[in-house]
Amino acid sequence: MKQLKRLCKVPANSLLESVIALTIISVCLYIAIMVYSAVFAPNTSMKFYSSQNKIQAAFFDMQIGLDSLKEKYDNENWIIEEEFTEGSKKIIIKYSDSITEYPEKVFYVPGEK
């Protein structure tokens, strides 16, 4: 037992303690950077969500089927394409503003022709 106590005399400011502390700090820093990058990604910005909401609103306005709603979205910012297939209709809606062109949304509507 006396030999074991003599082997375990490690000072408090040892190299091992410093390595463990740096490891803990680096793991916490890694987690913080991952959370930061997930929160501030381009597809989580307010501008992205507002453009997606505009596209969704345009699609649901088109579901009403009024021709006047198509005229509402008939300008250079909106591109609405319709393709008819067997038993369904494919609607592609693209939105762009003066700065950015946003990803297109594709909707499938069954049973219309």
C-alpha atoms as a PDB file:
ATOM      1  CA  MET A   1       0.000   0.000   0.000  1.00  0.00           C
ATOM      2  CA  LYS A   2       2.890   2.290   0.756  1.00  0.00           C
ATOM      3  CA  GLN A   3       4.288   1.780  -2.740  1.00  0.00           C
ATOM      4  CA  LEU A   4       0.927   2.601  -4.272  1.00  0.00           C
ATOM      5  CA  LYS A   5       0.768   5.920  -2.406  1.00  0.00           C
ATOM      6  CA  ARG A   6       4.228   6.759  -3.614  1.00  0.00           C
ATOM      7  CA  LEU A   7       3.189   6.129  -7.280  1.00  0.00           C
ATOM      8  CA  CYS A   8       0.038   8.254  -7.028  1.00  0.00           C
ATOM      9  CA  LYS A   9       1.709  11.477  -5.964  1.00  0.00           C
ATOM     10  CA  VAL A  10       0.649  13.685  -8.860  1.00  0.00           C
ATOM     11  CA  PRO A  11       0.689  17.434  -8.329  1.00  0.00           C
ATOM     12  CA  ALA A  12      -2.568  19.331  -8.815  1.00  0.00           C
ATOM     13  CA  ASN A  13      -1.320  21.337 -11.765  1.00  0.00           C
ATOM     14  CA  SER A  14      -0.140  18.315 -13.680  1.00  0.00           C
ATOM     15  CA  LEU A  15      -0.105  17.806 -17.393  1.00  0.00           C
ATOM     16  CA  LEU A  16      -2.884  15.222 -17.170  1.00  0.00           C
ATOM     17  CA  GLU A  17      -5.234  17.671 -15.472  1.00  0.00           C
ATOM     18  CA  SER A  18      -4.530  20.286 -18.135  1.00  0.00           C
ATOM     19  CA  VAL A  19      -5.226  17.826 -20.946  1.00  0.00           C
ATOM     20  CA  ILE A  20      -8.532  16.788 -19.389  1.00  0.00           C
ATOM     21  CA  ALA A  21      -9.585  20.414 -18.914  1.00  0.00           C
ATOM     22  CA  LEU A  22      -8.674  21.303 -22.505  1.00  0.00           C
ATOM     23  CA  THR A  23     -10.593  18.277 -23.753  1.00  0.00           C
ATOM     24  CA  ILE A  24     -13.721  19.332 -21.867  1.00  0.00           C
ATOM     25  CA  ILE A  25     -13.392  22.907 -23.139  1.00  0.00           C
ATOM     26  CA  SER A  26     -12.902  21.779 -26.745  1.00  0.00           C
ATOM     27  CA  VAL A  27     -15.956  19.482 -26.606  1.00  0.00           C
ATOM     28  CA  CYS A  28     -18.086  22.333 -25.246  1.00  0.00           C
ATOM     29  CA  LEU A  29     -16.740  24.682 -27.910  1.00  0.00           C
ATOM     30  CA  TYR A  30     -17.487  22.122 -30.637  1.00  0.00           C
ATOM     31  CA  ILE A  31     -21.088  21.753 -29.421  1.00  0.00           C
ATOM     32  CA  ALA A  32     -21.502  25.540 -29.293  1.00  0.00           C
ATOM     33  CA  ILE A  33     -20.203  25.937 -32.861  1.00  0.00           C
ATOM     34  CA  MET A  34     -22.517  23.191 -34.145  1.00  0.00           C
ATOM     35  CA  VAL A  35     -25.538  24.853 -32.512  1.00  0.00           C
ATOM     36  CA  TYR A  36     -24.490  28.258 -33.846  1.00  0.00           C
ATOM     37  CA  SER A  37     -24.077  26.954 -37.398  1.00  0.00           C
ATOM     38  CA  ALA A  38     -27.458  25.179 -37.266  1.00  0.00           C
ATOM     39  CA  VAL A  39     -29.249  28.305 -36.058  1.00  0.00           C
ATOM     40  CA  PHE A  40     -27.643  30.720 -38.515  1.00  0.00           C
ATOM     41  CA  ALA A  41     -27.830  28.554 -41.645  1.00  0.00           C
ATOM     42  CA  PRO A  42     -29.253  30.220 -44.777  1.00  0.00           C
ATOM     43  CA  ASN A  43     -32.339  28.007 -44.776  1.00  0.00           C
ATOM     44  CA  THR A  44     -33.304  29.087 -41.261  1.00  0.00           C
ATOM     45  CA  SER A  45     -33.271  32.807 -41.895  1.00  0.00           C
ATOM     46  CA  MET A  46     -36.370  34.937 -41.571  1.00  0.00           C
ATOM     47  CA  LYS A  47     -36.185  35.885 -45.241  1.00  0.00           C
ATOM     48  CA  PHE A  48     -36.245  32.196 -46.239  1.00  0.00           C
ATOM     49  CA  TYR A  49     -39.313  31.467 -44.122  1.00  0.00           C
ATOM     50  CA  SER A  50     -41.180  34.544 -45.351  1.00  0.00           C
ATOM     51  CA  SER A  51     -40.544  33.593 -48.999  1.00  0.00           C
ATOM     52  CA  GLN A  52     -41.697  30.031 -48.330  1.00  0.00           C
ATOM     53  CA  ASN A  53     -44.864  31.375 -46.716  1.00  0.00           C
ATOM     54  CA  LYS A  54     -45.517  33.547 -49.788  1.00  0.00           C
ATOM     55  CA  ILE A  55     -45.157  30.513 -52.044  1.00  0.00           C
ATOM     56  CA  GLN A  56     -47.484  28.435 -49.852  1.00  0.00           C
ATOM     57  CA  ALA A  57     -50.048  31.249 -49.830  1.00  0.00           C
ATOM     58  CA  ALA A  58     -49.906  31.476 -53.635  1.00  0.00           C
ATOM     59  CA  PHE A  59     -50.535  27.754 -53.942  1.00  0.00           C
ATOM     60  CA  PHE A  60     -53.483  27.783 -51.591  1.00  0.00           C
ATOM     61  CA  ASP A  61     -54.913  30.842 -53.362  1.00  0.00           C
ATOM     62  CA  MET A  62     -54.696  28.901 -56.616  1.00  0.00           C
ATOM     63  CA  GLN A  63     -56.645  26.042 -55.042  1.00  0.00           C
ATOM     64  CA  ILE A  64     -59.657  28.322 -54.820  1.00  0.00           C
ATOM     65  CA  GLY A  65     -59.582  28.347 -58.604  1.00  0.00           C
ATOM     66  CA  LEU A  66     -60.388  31.976 -59.291  1.00  0.00           C
ATOM     67  CA  ASP A  67     -58.753  33.476 -62.358  1.00  0.00           C
ATOM     68  CA  SER A  68     -58.374  36.810 -60.629  1.00  0.00           C
ATOM     69  CA  LEU A  69     -55.900  35.231 -58.216  1.00  0.00           C
ATOM     70  CA  LYS A  70     -53.675  34.216 -61.109  1.00  0.00           C
ATOM     71  CA  GLU A  71     -53.627  37.848 -62.191  1.00  0.00           C
ATOM     72  CA  LYS A  72     -52.551  38.791 -58.673  1.00  0.00           C
ATOM     73  CA  TYR A  73     -49.390  36.714 -59.078  1.00  0.00           C
ATOM     74  CA  ASP A  74     -48.817  37.673 -62.717  1.00  0.00           C
ATOM     75  CA  ASN A  75     -45.697  39.807 -62.419  1.00  0.00           C
ATOM     76  CA  GLU A  76     -41.945  39.411 -62.807  1.00  0.00           C
ATOM     77  CA  ASN A  77     -41.457  38.052 -59.261  1.00  0.00           C
ATOM     78  CA  TRP A  78     -43.710  35.020 -59.711  1.00  0.00           C
ATOM     79  CA  ILE A  79     -43.437  32.164 -62.195  1.00  0.00           C
ATOM     80  CA  ILE A  80     -46.310  29.682 -62.017  1.00  0.00           C
ATOM     81  CA  GLU A  81     -46.234  26.672 -64.320  1.00  0.00           C
ATOM     82  CA  GLU A  82     -48.854  23.953 -64.600  1.00  0.00           C
ATOM     83  CA  GLU A  83     -48.312  20.536 -66.142  1.00  0.00           C
ATOM     84  CA  PHE A  84     -51.123  18.049 -66.640  1.00  0.00           C
ATOM     85  CA  THR A  85     -50.508  14.326 -66.390  1.00  0.00           C
ATOM     86  CA  GLU A  86     -52.800  11.331 -66.110  1.00  0.00           C
ATOM     87  CA  GLY A  87     -55.178  12.072 -63.267  1.00  0.00           C
ATOM     88  CA  SER A  88     -53.114  14.827 -61.659  1.00  0.00           C
ATOM     89  CA  LYS A  89     -51.778  18.315 -62.115  1.00  0.00           C
ATOM     90  CA  LYS A  90     -48.240  19.405 -61.271  1.00  0.00           C
ATOM     91  CA  ILE A  91     -47.891  23.029 -60.169  1.00  0.00           C
ATOM     92  CA  ILE A  92     -44.429  24.605 -60.012  1.00  0.00           C
ATOM     93  CA  ILE A  93     -44.205  27.940 -58.210  1.00  0.00           C
ATOM     94  CA  LYS A  94     -41.031  30.043 -58.286  1.00  0.00           C
ATOM     95  CA  TYR A  95     -40.549  33.302 -56.430  1.00  0.00           C
ATOM     96  CA  SER A  96     -37.720  35.798 -56.702  1.00  0.00           C
ATOM     97  CA  ASP A  97     -37.208  39.294 -55.409  1.00  0.00           C
ATOM     98  CA  SER A  98     -34.712  41.921 -56.487  1.00  0.00           C
ATOM     99  CA  ILE A  99     -31.879  40.208 -54.610  1.00  0.00           C
ATOM    100  CA  THR A 100     -32.422  36.451 -54.513  1.00  0.00           C
ATOM    101  CA  GLU A 101     -34.176  33.689 -56.428  1.00  0.00           C
ATOM    102  CA  TYR A 102     -35.659  31.230 -53.964  1.00  0.00           C
ATOM    103  CA  PRO A 103     -35.970  27.467 -54.470  1.00  0.00           C
ATOM    104  CA  GLU A 104     -39.019  26.368 -56.394  1.00  0.00           C
ATOM    105  CA  LYS A 105     -41.882  24.498 -54.764  1.00  0.00           C
ATOM    106  CA  VAL A 106     -43.640  21.650 -56.537  1.00  0.00           C
ATOM    107  CA  PHE A 107     -47.224  20.714 -55.691  1.00  0.00           C
ATOM    108  CA  TYR A 108     -49.222  17.783 -57.014  1.00  0.00           C
ATOM    109  CA  VAL A 109     -53.003  18.122 -57.153  1.00  0.00           C
ATOM    110  CA  PRO A 110     -54.943  14.921 -57.864  1.00  0.00           C
ATOM    111  CA  GLY A 111     -57.878  14.563 -60.223  1.00  0.00           C
ATOM    112  CA  GLU A 112     -57.868  17.921 -62.016  1.00  0.00           C
ATOM    113  CA  LYS A 113     -57.652  18.577 -65.702  1.00  0.00           C
END
